[in-house]
């Protein structure tokens, strides 16, 4: 198994890793997204998120979840491909799929120390902020790289 493949987890596997990391005193950061076409904005965001703690856990929307959120023409890459790409980054320590509309139940299970989203969100609109703050954790936003989004990349490819 390649090192990146070892980072792809089922929820039970992830919870075992989380328990181990906690016994080691690691600070756990959580974020989530579709990550359909990875671009420099994603890389910058995720690397900055990882710097907020010791381990970065990434909740990745399943194909069905992406389609419900973004429409029937998405995702452009299947979930297996998206998992492998995201797991290949040094700053991502675990990737787990979730199929729900939001990662609320996943956040509830993981109980991260830090919950992160881009600055296109406010703290009170970040799903799971209540769970993390109740436990004494932090909820943070990270400035996004202007001019980069998957929708913009798709539009450029299509020439629209």
Protein backbone atom coordinates (compact mmCIF):
# COMPACT_ATOMS: atom_id res chain seq x y z
CA UNK A 1 0.00 0.00 0.00
CA UNK A 2 1.29 3.45 -0.90
CA UNK A 3 1.57 6.03 1.90
CA UNK A 4 -1.24 8.14 0.43
CA UNK A 5 -3.57 5.13 0.35
CA UNK A 6 -3.00 4.60 4.08
CA UNK A 7 -4.48 8.05 4.71
CA UNK A 8 -7.84 7.08 3.16
CA UNK A 9 -10.08 5.95 6.02
CA UNK A 10 -13.47 4.56 6.77
CA UNK A 11 -15.10 6.26 9.75
CA UNK A 12 -14.19 3.42 12.19
CA UNK A 13 -10.56 3.51 10.96
CA UNK A 14 -10.48 7.27 11.32
CA UNK A 15 -11.83 7.13 14.86
CA UNK A 16 -9.05 4.66 15.75
CA UNK A 17 -6.47 7.10 14.35
CA UNK A 18 -8.11 10.00 16.19
CA UNK A 19 -7.93 8.07 19.48
CA UNK A 20 -4.24 7.31 18.89
CA UNK A 21 -3.46 10.93 17.95
CA UNK A 22 -5.26 12.17 21.06
CA UNK A 23 -3.20 9.89 23.33
CA UNK A 24 -0.12 11.43 21.69
CA UNK A 25 -1.41 14.92 22.54
CA UNK A 26 -1.89 15.89 18.89
CA UNK A 27 -4.03 18.93 18.03
CA UNK A 28 -6.64 17.85 15.44
CA UNK A 29 -7.85 20.14 12.68
CA UNK A 30 -10.92 19.32 10.56
CA UNK A 31 -12.18 20.72 7.29
CA UNK A 32 -14.37 19.44 4.51
CA UNK A 33 -15.29 19.94 0.88
CA UNK A 34 -15.81 18.44 -2.56
CA UNK A 35 -12.33 19.15 -4.00
CA UNK A 36 -13.51 18.21 -7.49
CA UNK A 37 -10.78 19.96 -9.49
CA UNK A 38 -7.90 20.78 -7.18
CA UNK A 39 -6.35 24.22 -7.78
CA UNK A 40 -3.92 26.54 -6.03
CA UNK A 41 -6.70 27.96 -3.86
CA UNK A 42 -7.33 24.50 -2.41
CA UNK A 43 -3.64 23.85 -1.84
CA UNK A 44 -3.12 27.20 -0.09
CA UNK A 45 -6.23 26.74 2.06
CA UNK A 46 -5.40 23.19 3.15
CA UNK A 47 -1.75 23.93 3.88
CA UNK A 48 -2.78 26.91 6.03
CA UNK A 49 -5.39 24.75 7.79
CA UNK A 50 -2.76 22.12 8.64
CA UNK A 51 -0.54 24.77 10.21
CA UNK A 52 -3.27 25.35 12.83
CA UNK A 53 -2.60 21.95 14.42
CA UNK A 54 -0.71 18.68 14.27
CA UNK A 55 -3.06 16.59 12.11
CA UNK A 56 -5.45 17.65 9.34
CA UNK A 57 -8.56 15.52 8.82
CA UNK A 58 -10.42 16.12 5.58
CA UNK A 59 -14.08 15.18 5.21
CA UNK A 60 -14.72 14.60 1.50
CA UNK A 61 -18.18 14.67 -0.05
CA UNK A 62 -19.18 11.44 -1.80
CA UNK A 63 -20.09 11.55 -5.48
CA UNK A 64 -23.80 11.50 -4.63
CA UNK A 65 -23.34 14.30 -2.12
CA UNK A 66 -21.46 16.43 -4.67
CA UNK A 67 -24.22 15.88 -7.25
CA UNK A 68 -26.86 16.96 -4.76
CA UNK A 69 -24.89 20.11 -3.90
CA UNK A 70 -23.48 21.10 -7.30
CA UNK A 71 -25.87 19.57 -9.82
CA UNK A 72 -26.07 16.47 -12.02
CA UNK A 73 -22.96 17.30 -14.08
CA UNK A 74 -20.75 17.11 -11.00
CA UNK A 75 -18.48 15.73 -9.74
CA UNK A 76 -16.06 15.77 -12.63
CA UNK A 77 -13.80 13.29 -10.84
CA UNK A 78 -15.07 10.26 -8.93
CA UNK A 79 -14.69 9.98 -5.17
CA UNK A 80 -11.94 7.38 -5.38
CA UNK A 81 -9.84 9.73 -7.52
CA UNK A 82 -10.57 12.72 -5.31
CA UNK A 83 -9.63 10.73 -2.18
CA UNK A 84 -6.28 9.67 -3.66
CA UNK A 85 -5.41 13.18 -4.82
CA UNK A 86 -6.26 14.73 -1.45
CA UNK A 87 -4.43 11.99 0.49
CA UNK A 88 -1.28 12.60 -1.57
CA UNK A 89 -0.70 16.01 0.01
CA UNK A 90 1.80 16.02 2.90
CA UNK A 91 -0.43 18.40 4.86
CA UNK A 92 -3.47 16.07 4.79
CA UNK A 93 -3.25 13.31 7.41
CA UNK A 94 -6.58 11.54 6.86
CA UNK A 95 -9.37 11.58 4.29
CA UNK A 96 -12.83 10.22 5.04
CA UNK A 97 -15.96 10.26 2.88
CA UNK A 98 -19.31 11.54 4.08
CA UNK A 99 -22.59 11.25 2.19
CA UNK A 100 -24.82 13.55 4.22
CA UNK A 101 -25.78 17.06 3.17
CA UNK A 102 -23.38 18.46 5.78
CA UNK A 103 -20.46 17.02 7.77
CA UNK A 104 -22.23 17.66 11.09
CA UNK A 105 -22.36 14.00 12.18
CA UNK A 106 -18.76 13.48 11.09
CA UNK A 107 -17.62 16.49 13.12
CA UNK A 108 -19.63 15.16 16.06
CA UNK A 109 -17.81 11.81 15.79
CA UNK A 110 -14.30 13.26 15.29
CA UNK A 111 -14.57 16.11 17.83
CA UNK A 112 -11.75 18.18 16.33
CA UNK A 113 -9.84 20.75 18.31
CA UNK A 114 -9.98 23.19 15.41
CA UNK A 115 -12.71 23.48 12.75
CA UNK A 116 -11.72 25.41 9.62
CA UNK A 117 -13.46 26.80 6.54
CA UNK A 118 -12.66 29.53 4.03
CA UNK A 119 -13.38 33.17 4.78
CA UNK A 120 -16.41 33.04 2.51
CA UNK A 121 -18.05 31.69 5.70
CA UNK A 122 -18.59 33.44 9.00
CA UNK A 123 -17.97 31.48 12.20
CA UNK A 124 -21.69 31.17 12.95
CA UNK A 125 -22.44 29.73 9.47
CA UNK A 126 -19.80 26.98 9.66
CA UNK A 127 -21.51 23.63 10.14
CA UNK A 128 -20.43 22.11 13.44
CA UNK A 129 -19.20 25.34 15.02
CA UNK A 130 -21.52 24.74 17.97
CA UNK A 131 -20.07 21.27 18.63
CA UNK A 132 -16.47 22.46 18.55
CA UNK A 133 -17.03 25.60 20.62
CA UNK A 134 -19.00 23.62 23.26
CA UNK A 135 -15.92 21.44 23.79
CA UNK A 136 -13.63 24.47 24.12
CA UNK A 137 -12.22 24.12 20.61
CA UNK A 138 -11.58 26.79 18.02
CA UNK A 139 -13.44 27.67 14.83
CA UNK A 140 -11.41 29.62 12.29
CA UNK A 141 -11.68 30.97 8.79
CA UNK A 142 -8.80 31.13 6.34
CA UNK A 143 -8.48 33.81 3.65
CA UNK A 144 -9.15 32.33 0.23
CA UNK A 145 -6.86 32.96 -2.74
CA UNK A 146 -8.80 35.41 -4.87
CA UNK A 147 -9.67 34.39 -8.41
CA UNK A 148 -9.63 30.63 -7.90
CA UNK A 149 -12.64 28.35 -7.70
CA UNK A 150 -13.58 25.06 -9.30
CA UNK A 151 -16.52 26.79 -10.99
CA UNK A 152 -14.12 29.32 -12.56
CA UNK A 153 -11.82 26.54 -13.76
CA UNK A 154 -14.75 24.66 -15.31
CA UNK A 155 -15.98 27.86 -17.02
CA UNK A 156 -12.50 28.47 -18.49
CA UNK A 157 -12.29 24.90 -19.78
CA UNK A 158 -15.72 25.23 -21.39
CA UNK A 159 -14.85 28.67 -22.75
CA UNK A 160 -17.87 30.31 -21.10
